[in-house]
Amino acid sequence: MTWTLTGCLCYVELMERYLTVTESVTFTGKSRRTITRLANRLHQEGSSLVMRERTARGYIWRISQQILQETFGVSETQTLSSLEPETPPLPSGHVEPEHALEIARQGYAGMMTMHQEVTQIYENLLAEKDKQIVALSQELVRARKGFWARLWEGK
């Protein structure tokens, strides 16, 4: 099959009318299980409103927007562009020098406080580990003495 610009555009338009399961969940508000069950049922019936697409990770379902609208009563006005989450605008990049210096000082103070807390926790864990090593060493010495005492008593 030879792809032409028109053929590619038709394929893109076709793919825009077919949604993946994840897009269908967002589009309809139904669960992945419900969408997958619908896709399986349509596939068993031999419907052209569902298709399996091969990807690098296996097969995925693509379901027609038309059948989703008919089955779940999704409004006609909802489009894929409305599925994409809206991101809030980024805050202004302009900061006055005096204010920037104060922000930097606060950040540094917070970082130093965190550093001190982490250092203290590390030292506490290290001391606890040393105590455990000493306790285990003492237990080992007692166990060895007990072994030799039992060995010599047996003779």
Protein backbone atom coordinates (compact mmCIF):
# COMPACT_ATOMS: atom_id res chain seq x y z
CA MET A 1 0.00 0.00 0.00
CA THR A 2 1.35 3.40 -0.96
CA TRP A 3 0.71 6.31 1.37
CA THR A 4 -0.10 9.63 -0.17
CA LEU A 5 -0.66 12.91 1.60
CA THR A 6 -4.39 12.43 1.17
CA GLY A 7 -4.15 8.86 2.48
CA CYS A 8 -2.19 10.02 5.52
CA LEU A 9 -4.67 12.78 6.24
CA CYS A 10 -7.56 10.35 5.93
CA TYR A 11 -5.82 7.98 8.34
CA VAL A 12 -5.24 10.82 10.83
CA GLU A 13 -8.87 11.90 10.55
CA LEU A 14 -9.95 8.29 11.05
CA MET A 15 -7.75 7.94 14.13
CA GLU A 16 -9.16 11.17 15.57
CA ARG A 17 -12.64 9.63 15.46
CA TYR A 18 -11.43 6.49 17.28
CA LEU A 19 -10.38 6.83 20.91
CA THR A 20 -8.11 4.62 22.99
CA VAL A 21 -9.52 3.09 26.16
CA THR A 22 -7.88 5.79 28.29
CA GLU A 23 -9.29 8.56 26.12
CA SER A 24 -12.68 6.83 26.16
CA VAL A 25 -12.66 6.72 29.97
CA THR A 26 -12.05 10.46 30.08
CA PHE A 27 -14.56 11.09 27.30
CA THR A 28 -17.41 9.09 28.88
CA GLY A 29 -16.59 9.04 32.57
CA LYS A 30 -17.02 5.25 32.57
CA SER A 31 -14.48 2.77 33.97
CA ARG A 32 -11.72 1.08 31.96
CA ARG A 33 -13.46 -2.24 32.59
CA THR A 34 -16.74 -0.98 31.13
CA ILE A 35 -15.01 0.44 28.04
CA THR A 36 -12.98 -2.74 27.55
CA ARG A 37 -16.08 -4.91 27.88
CA LEU A 38 -17.82 -2.77 25.25
CA ALA A 39 -14.80 -3.11 22.94
CA ASN A 40 -14.71 -6.90 23.39
CA ARG A 41 -18.45 -7.21 22.72
CA LEU A 42 -18.22 -5.05 19.58
CA HIS A 43 -15.19 -7.02 18.37
CA GLN A 44 -17.04 -10.33 18.84
CA GLU A 45 -19.97 -8.95 16.86
CA GLY A 46 -17.57 -7.97 14.06
CA SER A 47 -18.41 -4.28 14.30
CA SER A 48 -16.38 -1.73 12.38
CA LEU A 49 -16.81 0.71 15.28
CA VAL A 50 -13.94 -0.89 17.18
CA MET A 51 -10.47 -1.89 16.08
CA ARG A 52 -7.37 -3.38 17.61
CA GLU A 53 -4.18 -1.49 16.96
CA ARG A 54 -0.77 -3.09 17.21
CA THR A 55 1.76 -1.09 19.19
CA ALA A 56 5.29 -1.79 20.35
CA ARG A 57 3.88 -2.99 23.69
CA GLY A 58 1.08 -5.15 22.28
CA TYR A 59 -2.46 -4.47 21.13
CA ILE A 60 -4.72 -1.61 22.18
CA TRP A 61 -8.39 -0.99 21.51
CA ARG A 62 -9.61 1.99 19.53
CA ILE A 63 -13.32 2.68 19.86
CA SER A 64 -15.41 4.98 17.69
CA GLN A 65 -16.65 8.18 19.29
CA GLN A 66 -19.97 7.51 17.61
CA ILE A 67 -20.61 4.25 19.50
CA LEU A 68 -19.46 5.82 22.76
CA GLN A 69 -21.93 8.66 22.25
CA GLU A 70 -24.74 6.25 21.38
CA THR A 71 -24.00 3.79 24.19
CA PHE A 72 -23.23 6.17 27.04
CA GLY A 73 -25.09 9.29 25.92
CA VAL A 74 -22.05 11.55 25.73
CA SER A 75 -22.89 14.99 24.36
CA GLU A 76 -21.94 15.79 20.78
CA THR A 77 -20.13 18.99 21.74
CA GLN A 78 -17.39 17.26 23.70
CA THR A 79 -14.21 16.84 21.65
CA LEU A 80 -10.74 15.47 22.23
CA SER A 81 -9.38 18.95 22.83
CA SER A 82 -11.67 19.19 25.86
CA LEU A 83 -10.16 15.94 27.18
CA GLU A 84 -6.72 17.45 27.63
CA PRO A 85 -6.21 18.85 31.13
CA GLU A 86 -5.96 22.60 31.28
CA THR A 87 -2.74 23.82 32.83
CA PRO A 88 -2.77 27.05 34.78
CA PRO A 89 -0.65 29.85 33.35
CA LEU A 90 2.86 30.08 34.70
CA PRO A 91 3.54 32.87 37.19
CA SER A 92 5.25 35.97 35.96
CA GLY A 93 9.01 35.62 35.69
CA HIS A 94 9.71 39.19 36.82
CA VAL A 95 10.86 39.45 40.44
CA GLU A 96 12.26 42.59 42.00
CA PRO A 97 15.89 42.26 43.22
CA GLU A 98 15.07 43.05 46.87
CA HIS A 99 12.30 40.49 46.89
CA ALA A 100 14.48 37.92 45.10
CA LEU A 101 17.18 38.27 47.76
CA GLU A 102 14.62 37.70 50.53
CA ILE A 103 13.26 34.62 48.73
CA ALA A 104 16.80 33.27 48.35
CA ARG A 105 17.49 33.82 52.07
CA GLN A 106 14.29 32.04 53.03
CA GLY A 107 15.14 29.15 50.71
CA TYR A 108 18.66 28.90 52.12
CA ALA A 109 17.40 28.99 55.71
CA GLY A 110 14.87 26.26 54.93
CA MET A 111 17.52 24.17 53.22
CA MET A 112 19.90 24.52 56.17
CA THR A 113 17.14 23.54 58.61
CA MET A 114 16.39 20.45 56.54
CA HIS A 115 20.12 19.67 56.37
CA GLN A 116 20.40 19.87 60.15
CA GLU A 117 17.35 17.63 60.61
CA VAL A 118 18.72 15.06 58.17
CA THR A 119 22.14 15.18 59.83
CA GLN A 120 20.57 14.65 63.26
CA ILE A 121 18.47 11.72 62.02
CA TYR A 122 21.53 10.20 60.35
CA GLU A 123 23.61 10.53 63.53
CA ASN A 124 20.80 8.96 65.60
CA LEU A 125 20.52 6.03 63.20
CA LEU A 126 24.30 5.62 63.18
CA ALA A 127 24.41 5.60 67.00
CA GLU A 128 21.56 3.06 67.09
CA LYS A 129 23.41 0.87 64.60
CA ASP A 130 26.59 1.06 66.71
CA LYS A 131 24.60 0.03 69.81
CA GLN A 132 23.18 -2.96 67.93
CA ILE A 133 26.66 -3.97 66.76
CA VAL A 134 28.01 -3.81 70.33
CA ALA A 135 25.04 -5.81 71.66
CA LEU A 136 25.43 -8.47 68.95
CA SER A 137 29.19 -8.66 69.54
CA GLN A 138 28.63 -9.19 73.27
CA GLU A 139 26.05 -11.87 72.55
CA LEU A 140 28.49 -13.59 70.19
CA VAL A 141 31.23 -13.55 72.85
CA ARG A 142 28.79 -15.06 75.39
CA ALA A 143 27.72 -17.71 72.87
CA ARG A 144 31.36 -18.65 72.13
CA LYS A 145 32.21 -18.88 75.84
CA GLY A 146 29.15 -21.04 76.34
CA PHE A 147 30.19 -23.30 73.47
CA TRP A 148 33.68 -23.87 74.88
CA ALA A 149 32.31 -24.33 78.39
CA ARG A 150 29.85 -26.97 77.14
CA LEU A 151 32.60 -28.62 75.10
CA TRP A 152 35.04 -28.89 78.05
CA GLU A 153 32.34 -29.97 80.50
CA GLY A 154 31.41 -32.86 78.23
CA LYS A 155 34.88 -34.50 78.62
